[in-house]
Amino acid sequence: MEWEIHTTRISANALPEPGRAARLYVHLYVREDQLRLYGFATAAERAAFLDLLKVEGVGPKQAQKILSGIEVHQLAEALETENLDRLSSIPGIGPKTAQKILLKLRGKLSLGPAPGESLEEDLAGALAGMGFDRKAVRGAVATVMRGLRDSALPREELERELFKRALALLGGQEAGS
C-alpha cells in the first residue's frame, strides 16, 4: 500500500536526502469522502497543526499553509505577544482569520513533547492532543506512573500500559463529570 503524505514547507526542508531514513509525526485526517495523511518533522509542529484545526474556518490545508509560513516557536511567540500583524503576514491569512486564531489559541497552543522528553511528558502530550484537559492529563499520568514505576515491563509495553490506564482514568473522570 502506498500513501501520500502532505507536509509543510518547513518539514519538507528538514527531511534528509532521498534514500535516508526519516521520521515524521503524522496525523490521519478523516472525512466521509477522504483519508489524508499530514506529516511533520517535529511533534511540536503536529501539535500546532492539531490546535489550528480547532479554529473555526481553518481546515487542514490552511493549517498546513500557516505552518509553511511560520515556524512553530514564532507562531507561539506571535500568539503570546498578541501580534496580529505577524499572524496576518502569513501568506493566506487575513486579519479576520488571524484574529480568530489569536482568540482561540492564545495561551493554549500545545507544542507537544520535545525530542528526548520523559515518557510521562510524551504520554501527557499525546492525551492532551486527543482533547483531554491538560491539568487532568498531568494528574492522571502522575497517578498511573506511580502505580507502574517499579514494574519490570520493557519500555514499549510500559508505554502501552501507561497509555491504556491513563486513558481509562481520564475516561472515568469525564463520565463522572
Protein backbone atom coordinates (compact mmCIF):
# COMPACT_ATOMS: atom_id res chain seq x y z
CA MET A 1 0.00 0.00 0.00
CA GLU A 2 1.24 3.47 -0.80
CA TRP A 3 0.26 6.69 0.98
CA GLU A 4 0.78 10.27 0.03
CA ILE A 5 1.88 12.37 3.00
CA HIS A 6 1.16 16.08 2.87
CA THR A 7 3.71 18.15 4.71
CA THR A 8 4.63 21.75 5.36
CA ARG A 9 7.46 23.52 3.56
CA ILE A 10 9.37 23.69 6.85
CA SER A 11 9.04 19.93 7.47
CA ALA A 12 9.92 19.10 3.87
CA ASN A 13 13.11 21.16 4.20
CA ALA A 14 14.00 19.25 7.38
CA LEU A 15 13.88 15.86 5.66
CA PRO A 16 17.16 14.09 4.87
CA GLU A 17 18.20 13.42 1.29
CA PRO A 18 16.33 10.66 -0.60
CA GLY A 19 17.28 7.14 0.42
CA ARG A 20 18.00 8.05 4.06
CA ALA A 21 15.72 7.13 6.93
CA ALA A 22 13.35 9.83 8.11
CA ARG A 23 10.86 10.18 10.95
CA LEU A 24 7.63 12.08 10.51
CA TYR A 25 4.96 12.69 13.11
CA VAL A 26 1.72 12.06 11.26
CA HIS A 27 -1.93 12.87 11.60
CA LEU A 28 -4.59 10.93 9.72
CA TYR A 29 -7.33 13.36 8.70
CA VAL A 30 -10.61 11.52 8.23
CA ARG A 31 -13.62 12.82 6.33
CA GLU A 32 -16.54 10.97 4.78
CA ASP A 33 -15.00 11.26 1.34
CA GLN A 34 -11.27 11.23 2.09
CA LEU A 35 -8.39 9.98 4.20
CA ARG A 36 -5.29 12.19 4.18
CA LEU A 37 -2.00 11.86 5.99
CA TYR A 38 -0.27 15.02 7.16
CA GLY A 39 3.36 14.65 8.21
CA PHE A 40 5.53 16.89 10.39
CA ALA A 41 9.23 16.94 11.23
CA THR A 42 8.53 17.60 14.93
CA ALA A 43 5.87 16.67 17.45
CA ALA A 44 5.51 20.38 18.21
CA GLU A 45 4.58 21.13 14.61
CA ARG A 46 1.99 18.33 14.59
CA ALA A 47 0.55 19.60 17.88
CA ALA A 48 0.31 23.14 16.46
CA PHE A 49 -1.41 21.74 13.34
CA LEU A 50 -3.99 19.96 15.51
CA ASP A 51 -4.55 23.13 17.54
CA LEU A 52 -5.04 25.17 14.36
CA LEU A 53 -7.72 22.72 13.23
CA LYS A 54 -9.73 23.76 16.31
CA VAL A 55 -10.01 27.31 14.97
CA GLU A 56 -13.30 27.93 13.16
CA GLY A 57 -12.69 28.24 9.44
CA VAL A 58 -9.21 26.70 9.48
CA GLY A 59 -9.04 23.34 7.76
CA PRO A 60 -6.06 21.05 7.23
CA LYS A 61 -4.91 22.73 4.01
CA GLN A 62 -4.95 26.17 5.61
CA ALA A 63 -3.29 24.89 8.81
CA GLN A 64 -0.59 23.34 6.65
CA LYS A 65 -0.20 26.61 4.75
CA ILE A 66 0.09 28.54 8.04
CA LEU A 67 2.82 26.21 9.30
CA SER A 68 4.62 26.54 5.98
CA GLY A 69 4.74 30.30 6.52
CA ILE A 70 5.80 30.46 10.16
CA GLU A 71 7.83 28.22 12.45
CA VAL A 72 6.04 26.85 15.50
CA HIS A 73 8.07 28.83 18.04
CA GLN A 74 7.37 32.02 16.05
CA LEU A 75 3.65 31.19 16.00
CA ALA A 76 3.69 30.65 19.76
CA GLU A 77 5.52 33.96 20.25
CA ALA A 78 3.07 35.83 18.00
CA LEU A 79 0.16 34.38 19.99
CA GLU A 80 1.75 35.23 23.35
CA THR A 81 2.51 38.81 22.33
CA GLU A 82 -0.87 39.15 20.57
CA ASN A 83 0.96 40.17 17.40
CA LEU A 84 -1.88 40.31 14.86
CA ASP A 85 0.40 41.92 12.27
CA ARG A 86 2.75 38.92 12.38
CA LEU A 87 -0.15 36.47 12.10
CA SER A 88 -1.71 38.46 9.24
CA SER A 89 1.62 38.48 7.39
CA ILE A 90 1.47 34.69 6.92
CA PRO A 91 0.52 34.01 3.28
CA GLY A 92 -3.20 33.20 3.01
CA ILE A 93 -4.09 34.57 6.45
CA GLY A 94 -6.14 37.72 6.57
CA PRO A 95 -6.92 39.91 9.58
CA LYS A 96 -10.16 38.07 10.42
CA THR A 97 -8.54 34.64 10.43
CA ALA A 98 -5.57 36.00 12.38
CA GLN A 99 -8.00 37.37 14.99
CA LYS A 100 -9.81 34.00 15.21
CA ILE A 101 -6.50 32.18 15.66
CA LEU A 102 -5.40 34.61 18.35
CA LEU A 103 -8.68 34.38 20.27
CA LYS A 104 -8.82 30.57 20.09
CA LEU A 105 -5.16 29.70 20.71
CA ARG A 106 -3.65 32.48 22.84
CA GLY A 107 -2.13 30.73 25.85
CA LYS A 108 -3.41 27.37 24.63
CA LEU A 109 -1.01 26.37 21.86
CA SER A 110 0.20 22.89 22.74
CA LEU A 111 3.65 22.32 21.39
CA GLY A 112 3.72 18.63 22.22
CA PRO A 113 6.70 16.80 23.65
CA ALA A 114 10.16 17.82 22.55
CA PRO A 115 12.53 15.06 21.46
CA GLY A 116 14.09 13.38 24.46
CA GLU A 117 11.36 14.36 26.92
CA SER A 118 10.33 11.84 29.52
CA LEU A 119 7.80 9.10 28.97
CA GLU A 120 5.35 10.96 31.21
CA GLU A 121 5.64 14.18 29.20
CA ASP A 122 5.30 12.28 25.93
CA LEU A 123 2.19 10.48 27.18
CA ALA A 124 0.68 13.69 28.58
CA GLY A 125 1.23 15.40 25.23
CA ALA A 126 -0.47 12.56 23.37
CA LEU A 127 -3.50 12.57 25.67
CA ALA A 128 -3.80 16.36 25.59
CA GLY A 129 -3.64 16.11 21.80
CA MET A 130 -6.70 13.87 21.99
CA GLY A 131 -8.61 16.74 23.58
CA PHE A 132 -8.32 15.97 27.29
CA ASP A 133 -7.76 18.84 29.72
CA ARG A 134 -4.01 19.33 30.33
CA LYS A 135 -4.35 19.60 34.10
CA ALA A 136 -6.44 16.41 34.27
CA VAL A 137 -3.97 14.66 31.96
CA ARG A 138 -0.98 15.54 34.13
CA GLY A 139 -2.78 14.27 37.24
CA ALA A 140 -3.87 11.03 35.58
CA VAL A 141 -0.42 10.34 34.14
CA ALA A 142 1.25 11.01 37.50
CA THR A 143 -1.20 8.68 39.27
CA VAL A 144 -0.73 5.87 36.77
CA MET A 145 3.04 6.37 36.69
CA ARG A 146 3.27 6.00 40.49
CA GLY A 147 1.49 2.66 40.21
CA LEU A 148 3.76 1.36 37.45
CA ARG A 149 7.10 2.97 38.32
CA ASP A 150 8.59 -0.22 39.77
CA SER A 151 7.23 -2.55 37.11
CA ALA A 152 9.73 -4.62 35.16
CA LEU A 153 7.93 -4.13 31.84
CA PRO A 154 10.02 -3.33 28.77
CA ARG A 155 9.64 0.33 27.71
CA GLU A 156 7.29 -0.38 24.80
CA GLU A 157 4.92 -2.45 26.97
CA LEU A 158 5.19 0.11 29.77
CA GLU A 159 4.16 2.86 27.34
CA ARG A 160 1.13 0.88 26.18
CA GLU A 161 0.07 0.07 29.73
CA LEU A 162 0.52 3.67 30.90
CA PHE A 163 -1.49 4.96 27.97
CA LYS A 164 -4.27 2.42 28.48
CA ARG A 165 -4.58 3.10 32.22
CA ALA A 166 -4.36 6.89 31.91
CA LEU A 167 -6.98 6.86 29.16
CA ALA A 168 -9.28 4.71 31.31
CA LEU A 169 -8.77 7.05 34.27
CA LEU A 170 -9.48 10.15 32.17
CA GLY A 171 -12.50 8.49 30.55
CA GLY A 172 -13.88 7.73 34.01
CA GLN A 173 -13.40 11.34 35.08
CA GLU A 174 -15.27 12.62 32.04
CA ALA A 175 -18.07 10.13 32.55
CA GLY A 176 -18.39 11.28 36.17
CA SER A 177 -18.43 14.99 35.24
